[in-house]
Amino acid sequence: MDKTDSWTLRLDLLRYTTMHGMTTYFLRRALLIPITFICITFLVYTVLRLVPGGPIEQAQMQIKMAAMQEGGSSGISDDMGDLQIPEDALNELKKYYHLDRSIPVGYANWLWKIVNLDFGQSYIYGEPVLKVIISKFPISIYFGLIGYFASWLICVPLGVTKAIKHKSSYDTATSVLVFMGYSIPGFVACLILLVLLGGGSYLDVFPLGGFRSDNWAELGFFAKIIDQLHHTAIPVFGYLIAGFASMTILMKNSLLDNLGADYVRTAFAKGLSEKRVIFVHAMRNSLIPITAGVGHAIGLLFAGSFLIEKTCNIPGMGLLGYTSIIQRDYPIILGTLVFLVLIRLTGNIFSDMIWALIDPRIRFGK
């Protein structure tokens, strides 16, 4: 066997070992998804069953308020004068809300229904949970996608220019903006803009919230576009500022590290132009940490932002989750939890896969 065949054999063995290690790694990660899912959902299910203010308490309060408004207790008052629901009525309520079983049995029954895509009925909306959740997905994806792509279009060029002009007056001035963005939460930025530029303010440029105007269907084509842009600007700014500082600094530091690497110095020694070395060689490797985070951003795209959607009154997944927690709509809470957990777990695996595909240096051990 000559040297060429020997090196070919070694390369083939290396490729097989690498692919086998990656396959084993991703299989292990995939097998951990159901275990992690069960642990998280069981913990949340248990907490929801134990905390006060559930559907039984709310039903009791509604019945008491209705009886008090009618001016009489109808024979359901105790010695203290407080209205009480008879025991048989309480048992019927527990049975109706599937709270008559123990927590492990109730969770197993709920999990079996989830496997069969039966998410139950919403207490507040009076509709199937799956239908309610699916109706909110497009709105959260719309704002999440625009905000994520806007972050790329702004933060990546800004990080590159900051790295090229490191320690210059431009770098110092933009660092002030970066730190300001880091110190202001996205929902606070939205709130400030709504106060300064929202409807009813002195400028009155943007609406106070919502996804579209009430008369959107009656508007013309261009008027619809303008109306949608007006409702999009402030929430997208909130999504943008949420990751503005971290993505910009990550891009700058990653490019600075690559500009000091040996392969960059070798490229300069070969006589390549500065633009080619930076934007062809160094940029490609510098984008790896940011690109590998695509999977983690999927959770935000689908689940939305609780605080931004609440501040801007956007009827997406974030606002749905917030209102369901406030109103103790347990089926909606657990239904959104199912989607959120699955999206997060698969997004993490997707990030690892992207990292392995774009960076050949990554090796996953057994």
Protein backbone atom coordinates (compact mmCIF):
# COMPACT_ATOMS: atom_id res chain seq x y z
CA MET A 1 0.00 0.00 0.00
CA ASP A 2 1.51 3.36 -1.09
CA LYS A 3 1.28 6.66 0.82
CA THR A 4 -1.67 7.93 -1.25
CA ASP A 5 -3.79 4.89 -0.43
CA SER A 6 -2.78 5.16 3.22
CA TRP A 7 -3.89 8.81 3.46
CA THR A 8 -7.12 8.00 1.61
CA LEU A 9 -7.86 5.23 4.07
CA ARG A 10 -7.16 7.53 7.02
CA LEU A 11 -9.47 10.21 5.60
CA ASP A 12 -12.25 7.71 5.02
CA LEU A 13 -11.84 6.40 8.55
CA LEU A 14 -11.93 9.96 9.92
CA ARG A 15 -15.12 10.75 7.99
CA TYR A 16 -16.78 7.55 9.19
CA THR A 17 -15.80 8.20 12.81
CA THR A 18 -17.02 11.80 12.62
CA MET A 19 -20.35 10.89 11.02
CA HIS A 20 -20.86 8.04 13.47
CA GLY A 21 -20.14 10.33 16.42
CA MET A 22 -22.51 13.01 15.13
CA THR A 23 -25.27 10.48 14.48
CA THR A 24 -24.90 9.04 17.98
CA TYR A 25 -24.91 12.52 19.50
CA PHE A 26 -28.08 13.65 17.72
CA LEU A 27 -29.84 10.36 18.49
CA ARG A 28 -29.08 10.84 22.18
CA ARG A 29 -30.38 14.39 22.03
CA ALA A 30 -33.54 13.26 20.25
CA LEU A 31 -34.17 10.54 22.84
CA LEU A 32 -33.85 13.11 25.62
CA ILE A 33 -36.71 15.20 24.16
CA PRO A 34 -39.58 13.04 25.52
CA ILE A 35 -37.88 12.68 28.92
CA THR A 36 -37.30 16.43 29.24
CA PHE A 37 -40.81 17.12 27.97
CA ILE A 38 -42.39 14.87 30.59
CA CYS A 39 -40.33 16.38 33.42
CA ILE A 40 -41.19 19.98 32.50
CA THR A 41 -44.88 19.43 31.80
CA PHE A 42 -45.38 17.30 34.92
CA LEU A 43 -43.78 19.99 37.08
CA VAL A 44 -45.99 22.73 35.60
CA TYR A 45 -49.09 20.51 35.79
CA THR A 46 -48.42 19.85 39.47
CA VAL A 47 -47.92 23.54 40.24
CA LEU A 48 -51.15 24.45 38.45
CA ARG A 49 -53.06 21.86 40.43
CA LEU A 50 -51.69 23.10 43.77
CA VAL A 51 -51.81 26.89 43.43
CA PRO A 52 -55.03 28.68 44.43
CA GLY A 53 -57.25 30.57 42.00
CA GLY A 54 -57.99 27.64 39.69
CA PRO A 55 -61.20 26.96 37.77
CA ILE A 56 -63.01 25.65 40.87
CA GLU A 57 -62.28 28.82 42.83
CA GLN A 58 -63.29 30.97 39.88
CA ALA A 59 -66.52 29.03 39.41
CA GLN A 60 -67.26 29.42 43.11
CA MET A 61 -66.68 33.15 42.89
CA GLN A 62 -68.93 33.49 39.83
CA ILE A 63 -71.75 31.54 41.48
CA LYS A 64 -71.44 33.57 44.69
CA MET A 65 -71.43 36.87 42.82
CA ALA A 66 -74.47 35.84 40.78
CA ALA A 67 -76.34 34.76 43.93
CA MET A 68 -75.44 37.98 45.74
CA GLN A 69 -76.65 40.07 42.81
CA GLU A 70 -79.99 38.27 42.94
CA GLY A 71 -80.30 39.42 46.53
CA GLY A 72 -80.42 36.08 48.27
CA SER A 73 -78.28 33.10 49.15
CA SER A 74 -80.87 30.59 47.91
CA GLY A 75 -80.17 28.32 50.82
CA ILE A 76 -76.45 27.98 50.23
CA SER A 77 -75.11 30.24 53.01
CA ASP A 78 -73.19 29.10 56.05
CA ASP A 79 -73.24 30.40 59.64
CA MET A 80 -70.79 33.18 58.77
CA GLY A 81 -73.09 34.50 56.07
CA ASP A 82 -70.70 33.64 53.20
CA LEU A 83 -72.19 31.90 50.22
CA GLN A 84 -71.06 28.30 49.85
CA ILE A 85 -71.50 25.79 47.04
CA PRO A 86 -72.97 22.44 48.07
CA GLU A 87 -70.59 19.47 48.18
CA ASP A 88 -72.30 17.63 45.33
CA ALA A 89 -72.00 20.75 43.12
CA LEU A 90 -68.27 20.97 43.96
CA ASN A 91 -67.80 17.33 43.00
CA GLU A 92 -69.55 17.98 39.70
CA LEU A 93 -67.26 20.94 39.02
CA LYS A 94 -64.15 18.88 39.80
CA LYS A 95 -65.36 16.13 37.50
CA TYR A 96 -66.12 18.64 34.75
CA TYR A 97 -62.62 20.13 34.95
CA HIS A 98 -60.96 16.69 35.37
CA LEU A 99 -59.72 17.60 38.86
CA ASP A 100 -61.34 14.64 40.61
CA ARG A 101 -58.27 12.44 40.12
CA SER A 102 -54.88 12.48 41.83
CA ILE A 103 -52.09 14.50 40.25
CA PRO A 104 -50.18 11.54 38.70
CA VAL A 105 -53.37 9.98 37.33
CA GLY A 106 -54.63 13.34 36.10
CA TYR A 107 -51.31 14.08 34.42
CA ALA A 108 -51.22 10.66 32.75
CA ASN A 109 -54.74 11.21 31.46
CA TRP A 110 -53.79 14.69 30.18
CA LEU A 111 -50.61 13.39 28.52
CA TRP A 112 -52.54 10.63 26.75
CA LYS A 113 -54.94 13.21 25.35
CA ILE A 114 -52.01 15.37 24.19
CA VAL A 115 -50.53 12.39 22.33
CA ASN A 116 -53.90 12.06 20.57
CA LEU A 117 -53.90 15.82 19.81
CA ASP A 118 -56.74 16.48 22.24
CA PHE A 119 -55.70 19.66 24.08
CA GLY A 120 -59.07 20.13 25.73
CA GLN A 121 -61.45 23.08 25.78
CA SER A 122 -60.49 26.61 26.79
CA TYR A 123 -62.29 27.91 29.89
CA ILE A 124 -62.22 31.50 28.64
CA TYR A 125 -62.63 31.22 24.86
CA GLY A 126 -65.00 28.24 24.93
CA GLU A 127 -63.19 26.73 21.91
CA PRO A 128 -60.74 23.84 21.43
CA VAL A 129 -57.30 24.81 22.71
CA LEU A 130 -55.54 23.63 19.55
CA LYS A 131 -57.75 25.85 17.41
CA VAL A 132 -57.07 28.89 19.60
CA ILE A 133 -53.29 28.33 19.63
CA ILE A 134 -53.01 27.75 15.87
CA SER A 135 -54.97 30.95 15.21
CA LYS A 136 -52.31 32.93 17.14
CA PHE A 137 -49.24 31.40 15.51
CA PRO A 138 -49.16 33.46 12.27
CA ILE A 139 -49.21 36.76 14.16
CA SER A 140 -46.26 35.87 16.40
CA ILE A 141 -44.32 34.42 13.46
CA TYR A 142 -44.93 37.62 11.46
CA PHE A 143 -43.45 39.93 14.09
CA GLY A 144 -40.74 37.45 15.11
CA LEU A 145 -39.45 36.92 11.57
CA ILE A 146 -39.36 40.62 10.73
CA GLY A 147 -37.63 41.43 14.01
CA TYR A 148 -35.08 38.63 13.56
CA PHE A 149 -34.19 39.58 9.97
CA ALA A 150 -34.02 43.24 10.95
CA SER A 151 -31.50 42.28 13.64
CA TRP A 152 -29.33 40.59 11.03
CA LEU A 153 -29.54 43.51 8.60
CA ILE A 154 -28.54 46.03 11.28
CA CYS A 155 -26.40 44.21 13.83
CA VAL A 156 -24.13 42.26 11.48
CA PRO A 157 -22.97 45.28 9.40
CA LEU A 158 -22.65 47.35 12.57
CA GLY A 159 -20.54 44.67 14.26
CA VAL A 160 -18.33 44.35 11.19
CA THR A 161 -17.69 48.09 10.95
CA LYS A 162 -17.00 48.28 14.69
CA ALA A 163 -14.43 45.49 14.35
CA ILE A 164 -12.74 47.13 11.34
CA LYS A 165 -12.66 50.52 13.09
CA HIS A 166 -11.82 49.11 16.50
CA LYS A 167 -10.89 51.76 19.13
CA SER A 168 -11.81 54.59 16.78
CA SER A 169 -14.23 57.43 17.50
CA TYR A 170 -16.86 55.56 15.44
CA ASP A 171 -16.43 52.48 17.61
CA THR A 172 -16.78 54.56 20.78
CA ALA A 173 -19.88 56.42 19.55
CA THR A 174 -21.67 53.27 18.42
CA SER A 175 -20.73 51.52 21.67
CA VAL A 176 -22.82 54.14 23.49
CA LEU A 177 -25.82 53.12 21.37
CA VAL A 178 -25.09 49.45 21.97
CA PHE A 179 -24.98 49.87 25.74
CA MET A 180 -28.13 52.00 25.67
CA GLY A 181 -29.86 49.20 23.77
CA TYR A 182 -28.54 46.66 26.25
CA SER A 183 -29.90 48.64 29.20
CA ILE A 184 -33.43 49.14 27.79
CA PRO A 185 -35.72 46.09 27.66
CA GLY A 186 -37.69 45.65 24.47
CA PHE A 187 -41.11 46.13 26.05
CA VAL A 188 -39.93 49.34 27.80
CA ALA A 189 -38.74 50.72 24.45
CA CYS A 190 -42.15 49.91 22.98
CA LEU A 191 -43.88 51.63 25.88
CA ILE A 192 -41.76 54.78 25.47
CA LEU A 193 -42.48 54.92 21.73
CA LEU A 194 -46.20 54.40 22.31
CA VAL A 195 -46.23 57.31 24.77
CA LEU A 196 -44.24 59.61 22.47
CA LEU A 197 -45.53 58.57 19.06
CA GLY A 198 -48.70 56.56 19.71
CA GLY A 199 -52.29 57.59 19.11
CA GLY A 200 -53.43 60.36 21.43
CA SER A 201 -49.90 61.76 21.85
CA TYR A 202 -48.71 65.09 20.50
CA LEU A 203 -47.18 63.52 17.38
CA ASP A 204 -49.79 60.74 16.88
CA VAL A 205 -47.74 58.82 14.28
CA PHE A 206 -48.43 55.18 15.19
CA PRO A 207 -51.48 53.37 16.60
CA LEU A 208 -51.51 52.39 20.26
CA GLY A 209 -51.37 48.69 19.45
CA GLY A 210 -53.07 45.81 17.75
CA PHE A 211 -52.21 43.81 14.66
CA ARG A 212 -54.36 45.72 12.18
CA SER A 213 -57.01 48.43 12.23
CA ASP A 214 -60.63 47.42 12.73
CA ASN A 215 -61.55 48.58 9.21
CA TRP A 216 -58.55 46.90 7.58
CA ALA A 217 -60.72 44.72 5.31
CA GLU A 218 -62.40 47.83 3.88
CA LEU A 219 -59.11 49.56 2.97
CA GLY A 220 -57.52 49.62 -0.45
CA PHE A 221 -54.39 47.68 -1.35
CA PHE A 222 -51.83 50.41 -0.61
CA ALA A 223 -53.81 51.62 2.40
CA LYS A 224 -53.63 48.06 3.81
CA ILE A 225 -49.85 48.03 3.37
CA ILE A 226 -49.46 51.39 5.11
CA ASP A 227 -51.79 50.35 7.93
CA GLN A 228 -49.88 47.10 8.44
CA LEU A 229 -46.56 48.93 8.49
CA HIS A 230 -47.89 51.38 11.08
CA HIS A 231 -48.89 48.51 13.36
CA THR A 232 -45.58 46.71 12.73
CA ALA A 233 -43.02 49.45 13.38
CA ILE A 234 -43.08 49.73 17.18
CA PRO A 235 -43.31 45.98 18.02
CA VAL A 236 -40.51 45.16 15.57
CA PHE A 237 -38.36 47.85 17.19
CA GLY A 238 -38.96 46.09 20.51
CA TYR A 239 -37.89 42.74 19.04
CA LEU A 240 -34.87 44.41 17.43
CA ILE A 241 -33.58 46.14 20.54
CA ALA A 242 -33.99 42.94 22.57
CA GLY A 243 -31.05 41.29 20.77
CA PHE A 244 -29.37 44.40 19.36
CA ALA A 245 -26.49 44.64 21.81
CA SER A 246 -25.70 40.94 22.13
CA MET A 247 -25.68 40.25 18.38
CA THR A 248 -23.63 43.36 17.57
CA ILE A 249 -20.97 42.65 20.20
CA LEU A 250 -20.89 38.95 19.28
CA MET A 251 -20.31 39.82 15.63
CA LYS A 252 -17.59 42.35 16.49
CA ASN A 253 -15.70 40.09 18.89
CA SER A 254 -15.96 37.08 16.58
CA LEU A 255 -14.55 39.06 13.64
CA LEU A 256 -11.74 40.51 15.79
CA ASP A 257 -10.75 37.00 16.88
CA ASN A 258 -10.66 35.78 13.29
CA LEU A 259 -8.70 38.81 12.08
CA GLY A 260 -5.95 37.82 14.51
CA ALA A 261 -5.91 34.17 13.41
CA ASP A 262 -3.01 32.58 11.51
CA TYR A 263 -5.01 31.89 8.34
CA VAL A 264 -5.83 35.61 8.01
CA ARG A 265 -2.17 36.58 8.34
CA THR A 266 -1.37 33.92 5.74
CA ALA A 267 -3.99 35.38 3.39
CA PHE A 268 -2.44 38.84 3.78
CA ALA A 269 1.02 37.35 3.15
CA LYS A 270 -0.23 35.90 -0.14
CA GLY A 271 -1.05 39.41 -1.30
CA LEU A 272 -4.84 39.23 -1.08
CA SER A 273 -6.67 42.52 -0.75
CA GLU A 274 -7.95 43.66 2.64
CA LYS A 275 -11.60 43.52 1.52
CA ARG A 276 -11.24 39.98 0.23
CA VAL A 277 -9.53 38.78 3.40
CA ILE A 278 -12.14 40.37 5.66
CA PHE A 279 -15.36 39.76 3.75
CA VAL A 280 -14.53 36.39 2.18
CA HIS A 281 -12.25 34.58 4.62
CA ALA A 282 -12.74 36.15 8.06
CA MET A 283 -16.47 36.96 7.72
CA ARG A 284 -17.38 33.38 6.87
CA ASN A 285 -15.98 32.00 10.11
CA SER A 286 -17.15 35.00 12.13
CA LEU A 287 -20.80 34.35 11.23
CA ILE A 288 -20.68 30.83 12.68
CA PRO A 289 -21.61 31.76 16.30
CA ILE A 290 -24.52 33.91 15.11
CA THR A 291 -25.78 31.45 12.49
CA ALA A 292 -25.68 28.59 14.96
CA GLY A 293 -28.15 30.50 17.12
CA VAL A 294 -30.89 30.27 14.48
CA GLY A 295 -32.44 27.28 16.21
CA HIS A 296 -32.70 29.15 19.50
CA ALA A 297 -34.51 32.01 17.74
CA ILE A 298 -37.20 29.61 16.52
CA GLY A 299 -38.77 29.58 19.97
CA LEU A 300 -39.21 33.36 19.87
CA LEU A 301 -40.59 33.24 16.34
CA PHE A 302 -43.34 30.78 17.29
CA ALA A 303 -43.97 31.63 20.91
CA GLY A 304 -43.76 35.40 20.65
CA SER A 305 -42.77 37.76 23.42
CA PHE A 306 -45.09 37.95 26.42
CA LEU A 307 -44.21 41.51 27.42
CA ILE A 308 -43.91 43.06 23.94
CA GLU A 309 -47.23 41.59 22.80
CA LYS A 310 -48.87 42.67 26.05
CA THR A 311 -47.48 46.20 25.77
CA CYS A 312 -48.49 46.58 22.11
CA ASN A 313 -51.73 44.58 22.52
CA ILE A 314 -50.78 42.13 19.78
CA PRO A 315 -53.11 39.09 19.72
CA GLY A 316 -50.31 36.54 19.31
CA MET A 317 -48.96 33.60 21.27
CA GLY A 318 -47.27 35.83 23.84
CA LEU A 319 -50.43 37.71 24.76
CA LEU A 320 -52.40 34.45 24.73
CA GLY A 321 -50.00 32.91 27.24
CA TYR A 322 -50.05 36.02 29.41
CA THR A 323 -53.86 36.28 29.56
CA SER A 324 -54.24 32.54 30.14
CA ILE A 325 -51.95 32.77 33.19
CA ILE A 326 -53.78 35.81 34.57
CA GLN A 327 -57.21 34.22 34.04
CA ARG A 328 -56.10 30.72 35.11
CA ASP A 329 -57.10 29.13 31.81
CA TYR A 330 -55.29 25.85 32.54
CA PRO A 331 -55.91 24.12 29.17
CA ILE A 332 -54.45 27.13 27.32
CA ILE A 333 -51.48 27.33 29.70
CA LEU A 334 -50.65 23.66 29.28
CA GLY A 335 -51.29 23.78 25.53
CA THR A 336 -48.92 26.71 24.98
CA LEU A 337 -46.41 24.98 27.26
CA VAL A 338 -46.47 21.88 25.05
CA PHE A 339 -45.68 23.91 21.93
CA LEU A 340 -43.08 26.05 23.67
CA VAL A 341 -41.17 23.10 25.15
CA LEU A 342 -41.17 21.11 21.91
CA ILE A 343 -40.09 24.14 19.88
CA ARG A 344 -37.28 24.97 22.30
CA LEU A 345 -35.96 21.41 22.47
CA THR A 346 -36.04 20.85 18.71
CA GLY A 347 -34.59 24.32 18.17
CA ASN A 348 -31.59 23.47 20.34
CA ILE A 349 -30.92 20.33 18.31
CA PHE A 350 -31.39 22.32 15.11
CA SER A 351 -28.77 24.81 16.33
CA ASP A 352 -26.28 22.01 16.94
CA MET A 353 -26.94 20.61 13.47
CA ILE A 354 -26.36 24.01 11.86
CA TRP A 355 -23.17 24.45 13.85
CA ALA A 356 -21.89 21.05 12.74
CA LEU A 357 -22.74 21.71 9.08
CA ILE A 358 -21.16 25.16 8.79
CA ASP A 359 -18.12 24.50 10.97
CA PRO A 360 -16.15 21.39 9.99
CA ARG A 361 -14.01 21.77 13.12
CA ILE A 362 -16.93 20.70 15.32
CA ARG A 363 -16.69 17.10 16.47
CA PHE A 364 -19.30 15.45 18.65
CA GLY A 365 -17.98 12.75 20.93
CA LYS A 366 -19.79 9.60 21.91
